[in-house]
Amino acid sequence: VWHFYFIIFNPDVYPMNTAWLTGTISEEEMSHEHPKELNRIKEDLARKIQEESDDA
């Protein structure tokens, strides 16, 4: 039941969340819906950039 609410009837994305069509989500949506995952992605990216600059 909750799945249907969050996917179909959630007023933040009604009438449709396009992520299932495009496979993408904006950073703003990500920070609202998945903040821990967004932080992990940013930390991984920063770590990768640092490693690449150390190798140069």
N, C-alpha and C. Protein backbone atom coordinates (compact mmCIF):
# COMPACT_ATOMS: atom_id res chain seq x y z
N VAL A 1 0.83 -1.19 0.00
CA VAL A 1 0.00 0.00 0.00
C VAL A 1 0.87 1.26 0.00
N TRP A 2 1.87 1.33 0.88
CA TRP A 2 2.72 2.52 0.93
C TRP A 2 3.51 2.68 -0.35
N HIS A 3 3.90 1.58 -0.95
CA HIS A 3 4.63 1.66 -2.21
C HIS A 3 3.80 2.41 -3.25
N PHE A 4 2.53 2.08 -3.35
CA PHE A 4 1.67 2.77 -4.32
C PHE A 4 1.57 4.26 -4.02
N TYR A 5 1.47 4.60 -2.75
CA TYR A 5 1.40 6.02 -2.40
C TYR A 5 2.66 6.74 -2.86
N PHE A 6 3.82 6.21 -2.48
CA PHE A 6 5.06 6.90 -2.79
C PHE A 6 5.39 6.89 -4.28
N ILE A 7 4.92 5.92 -5.01
CA ILE A 7 5.21 5.84 -6.44
C ILE A 7 4.15 6.54 -7.28
N ILE A 8 2.89 6.40 -6.91
CA ILE A 8 1.81 6.90 -7.76
C ILE A 8 1.16 8.17 -7.20
N PHE A 9 0.80 8.17 -5.93
CA PHE A 9 -0.03 9.23 -5.39
C PHE A 9 0.71 10.30 -4.59
N ASN A 10 2.00 10.20 -4.48
CA ASN A 10 2.79 11.18 -3.76
C ASN A 10 2.60 12.56 -4.40
N PRO A 11 2.09 13.55 -3.66
CA PRO A 11 1.84 14.86 -4.26
C PRO A 11 3.10 15.57 -4.73
N ASP A 12 4.27 15.17 -4.26
CA ASP A 12 5.51 15.79 -4.71
C ASP A 12 5.83 15.44 -6.16
N VAL A 13 5.34 14.31 -6.64
CA VAL A 13 5.65 13.88 -8.01
C VAL A 13 4.42 13.61 -8.85
N TYR A 14 3.23 13.80 -8.28
CA TYR A 14 2.00 13.52 -9.01
C TYR A 14 1.91 14.42 -10.24
N PRO A 15 1.52 13.96 -11.40
CA PRO A 15 0.86 12.70 -11.65
C PRO A 15 1.81 11.54 -11.93
N MET A 16 3.11 11.83 -12.09
CA MET A 16 4.00 10.71 -12.39
C MET A 16 5.44 11.10 -12.11
N ASN A 17 6.17 10.20 -11.49
CA ASN A 17 7.59 10.35 -11.33
C ASN A 17 8.24 9.79 -12.59
N THR A 18 8.96 10.61 -13.32
CA THR A 18 9.51 10.18 -14.61
C THR A 18 10.78 9.35 -14.48
N ALA A 19 11.26 9.13 -13.27
CA ALA A 19 12.49 8.36 -13.09
C ALA A 19 12.37 6.97 -13.70
N TRP A 20 11.21 6.38 -13.68
CA TRP A 20 11.05 5.04 -14.24
C TRP A 20 11.14 5.06 -15.76
N LEU A 21 10.94 6.22 -16.37
CA LEU A 21 11.06 6.33 -17.83
C LEU A 21 12.48 6.70 -18.25
N THR A 22 13.06 7.67 -17.55
CA THR A 22 14.36 8.20 -17.96
C THR A 22 15.54 7.51 -17.28
N GLY A 23 15.29 6.93 -16.13
CA GLY A 23 16.37 6.30 -15.38
C GLY A 23 17.23 7.31 -14.64
N THR A 24 16.77 8.57 -14.60
CA THR A 24 17.53 9.61 -13.92
C THR A 24 16.66 10.31 -12.88
N ILE A 25 17.35 11.00 -11.96
CA ILE A 25 16.67 11.78 -10.93
C ILE A 25 17.53 13.02 -10.71
N SER A 26 16.91 14.16 -10.48
CA SER A 26 17.67 15.39 -10.27
C SER A 26 18.36 15.34 -8.91
N GLU A 27 19.39 16.17 -8.78
CA GLU A 27 20.09 16.23 -7.50
C GLU A 27 19.15 16.73 -6.40
N GLU A 28 18.27 17.66 -6.74
CA GLU A 28 17.30 18.17 -5.77
C GLU A 28 16.37 17.05 -5.28
N GLU A 29 15.85 16.25 -6.23
CA GLU A 29 14.99 15.13 -5.85
C GLU A 29 15.77 14.11 -5.02
N MET A 30 17.00 13.87 -5.44
CA MET A 30 17.84 12.90 -4.73
C MET A 30 18.10 13.36 -3.30
N SER A 31 18.36 14.66 -3.12
CA SER A 31 18.64 15.15 -1.76
C SER A 31 17.39 15.08 -0.89
N HIS A 32 16.22 15.17 -1.49
CA HIS A 32 14.97 15.10 -0.73
C HIS A 32 14.58 13.66 -0.42
N GLU A 33 14.74 12.77 -1.41
CA GLU A 33 14.25 11.40 -1.27
C GLU A 33 15.31 10.41 -0.79
N HIS A 34 16.58 10.66 -1.11
CA HIS A 34 17.65 9.72 -0.78
C HIS A 34 18.91 10.46 -0.31
N PRO A 35 18.85 11.23 0.77
CA PRO A 35 19.99 12.05 1.16
C PRO A 35 21.25 11.25 1.53
N LYS A 36 21.10 10.12 2.17
CA LYS A 36 22.28 9.32 2.54
C LYS A 36 22.98 8.78 1.30
N GLU A 37 22.22 8.31 0.34
CA GLU A 37 22.79 7.80 -0.90
C GLU A 37 23.49 8.92 -1.66
N LEU A 38 22.90 10.10 -1.70
CA LEU A 38 23.53 11.24 -2.38
C LEU A 38 24.84 11.60 -1.71
N ASN A 39 24.88 11.62 -0.39
CA ASN A 39 26.13 11.90 0.32
C ASN A 39 27.19 10.86 0.00
N ARG A 40 26.81 9.60 -0.06
CA ARG A 40 27.77 8.55 -0.39
C ARG A 40 28.33 8.76 -1.80
N ILE A 41 27.47 9.09 -2.74
CA ILE A 41 27.90 9.33 -4.12
C ILE A 41 28.88 10.49 -4.18
N LYS A 42 28.55 11.58 -3.48
CA LYS A 42 29.43 12.75 -3.48
C LYS A 42 30.77 12.44 -2.83
N GLU A 43 30.76 11.69 -1.74
CA GLU A 43 32.01 11.32 -1.07
C GLU A 43 32.86 10.44 -1.97
N ASP A 44 32.24 9.48 -2.66
CA ASP A 44 32.97 8.61 -3.58
C ASP A 44 33.58 9.41 -4.72
N LEU A 45 32.82 10.37 -5.25
CA LEU A 45 33.32 11.20 -6.34
C LEU A 45 34.48 12.06 -5.88
N ALA A 46 34.37 12.66 -4.70
CA ALA A 46 35.46 13.48 -4.17
C ALA A 46 36.71 12.63 -3.94
N ARG A 47 36.52 11.41 -3.43
CA ARG A 47 37.65 10.51 -3.21
C ARG A 47 38.32 10.15 -4.53
N LYS A 48 37.53 9.88 -5.56
CA LYS A 48 38.07 9.53 -6.87
C LYS A 48 38.84 10.70 -7.47
N ILE A 49 38.30 11.90 -7.35
CA ILE A 49 38.98 13.09 -7.87
C ILE A 49 40.30 13.30 -7.14
N GLN A 50 40.30 13.12 -5.83
CA GLN A 50 41.52 13.28 -5.04
C GLN A 50 42.57 12.24 -5.45
N GLU A 51 42.16 10.99 -5.64
CA GLU A 51 43.09 9.95 -6.05
C GLU A 51 43.68 10.25 -7.41
N GLU A 52 42.86 10.74 -8.34
CA GLU A 52 43.36 11.07 -9.68
C GLU A 52 44.33 12.24 -9.64
N SER A 53 44.08 13.23 -8.78
CA SER A 53 45.00 14.37 -8.69
C SER A 53 46.30 13.96 -8.00
N ASP A 54 46.23 13.00 -7.08
CA ASP A 54 47.44 12.50 -6.43
C ASP A 54 48.31 11.72 -7.41
N ASP A 55 47.68 11.03 -8.36
CA ASP A 55 48.40 10.23 -9.34
C ASP A 55 49.06 11.10 -10.41
N ALA A 56 48.58 12.30 -10.61
CA ALA A 56 49.08 13.17 -11.68
C ALA A 56 50.39 13.82 -11.33
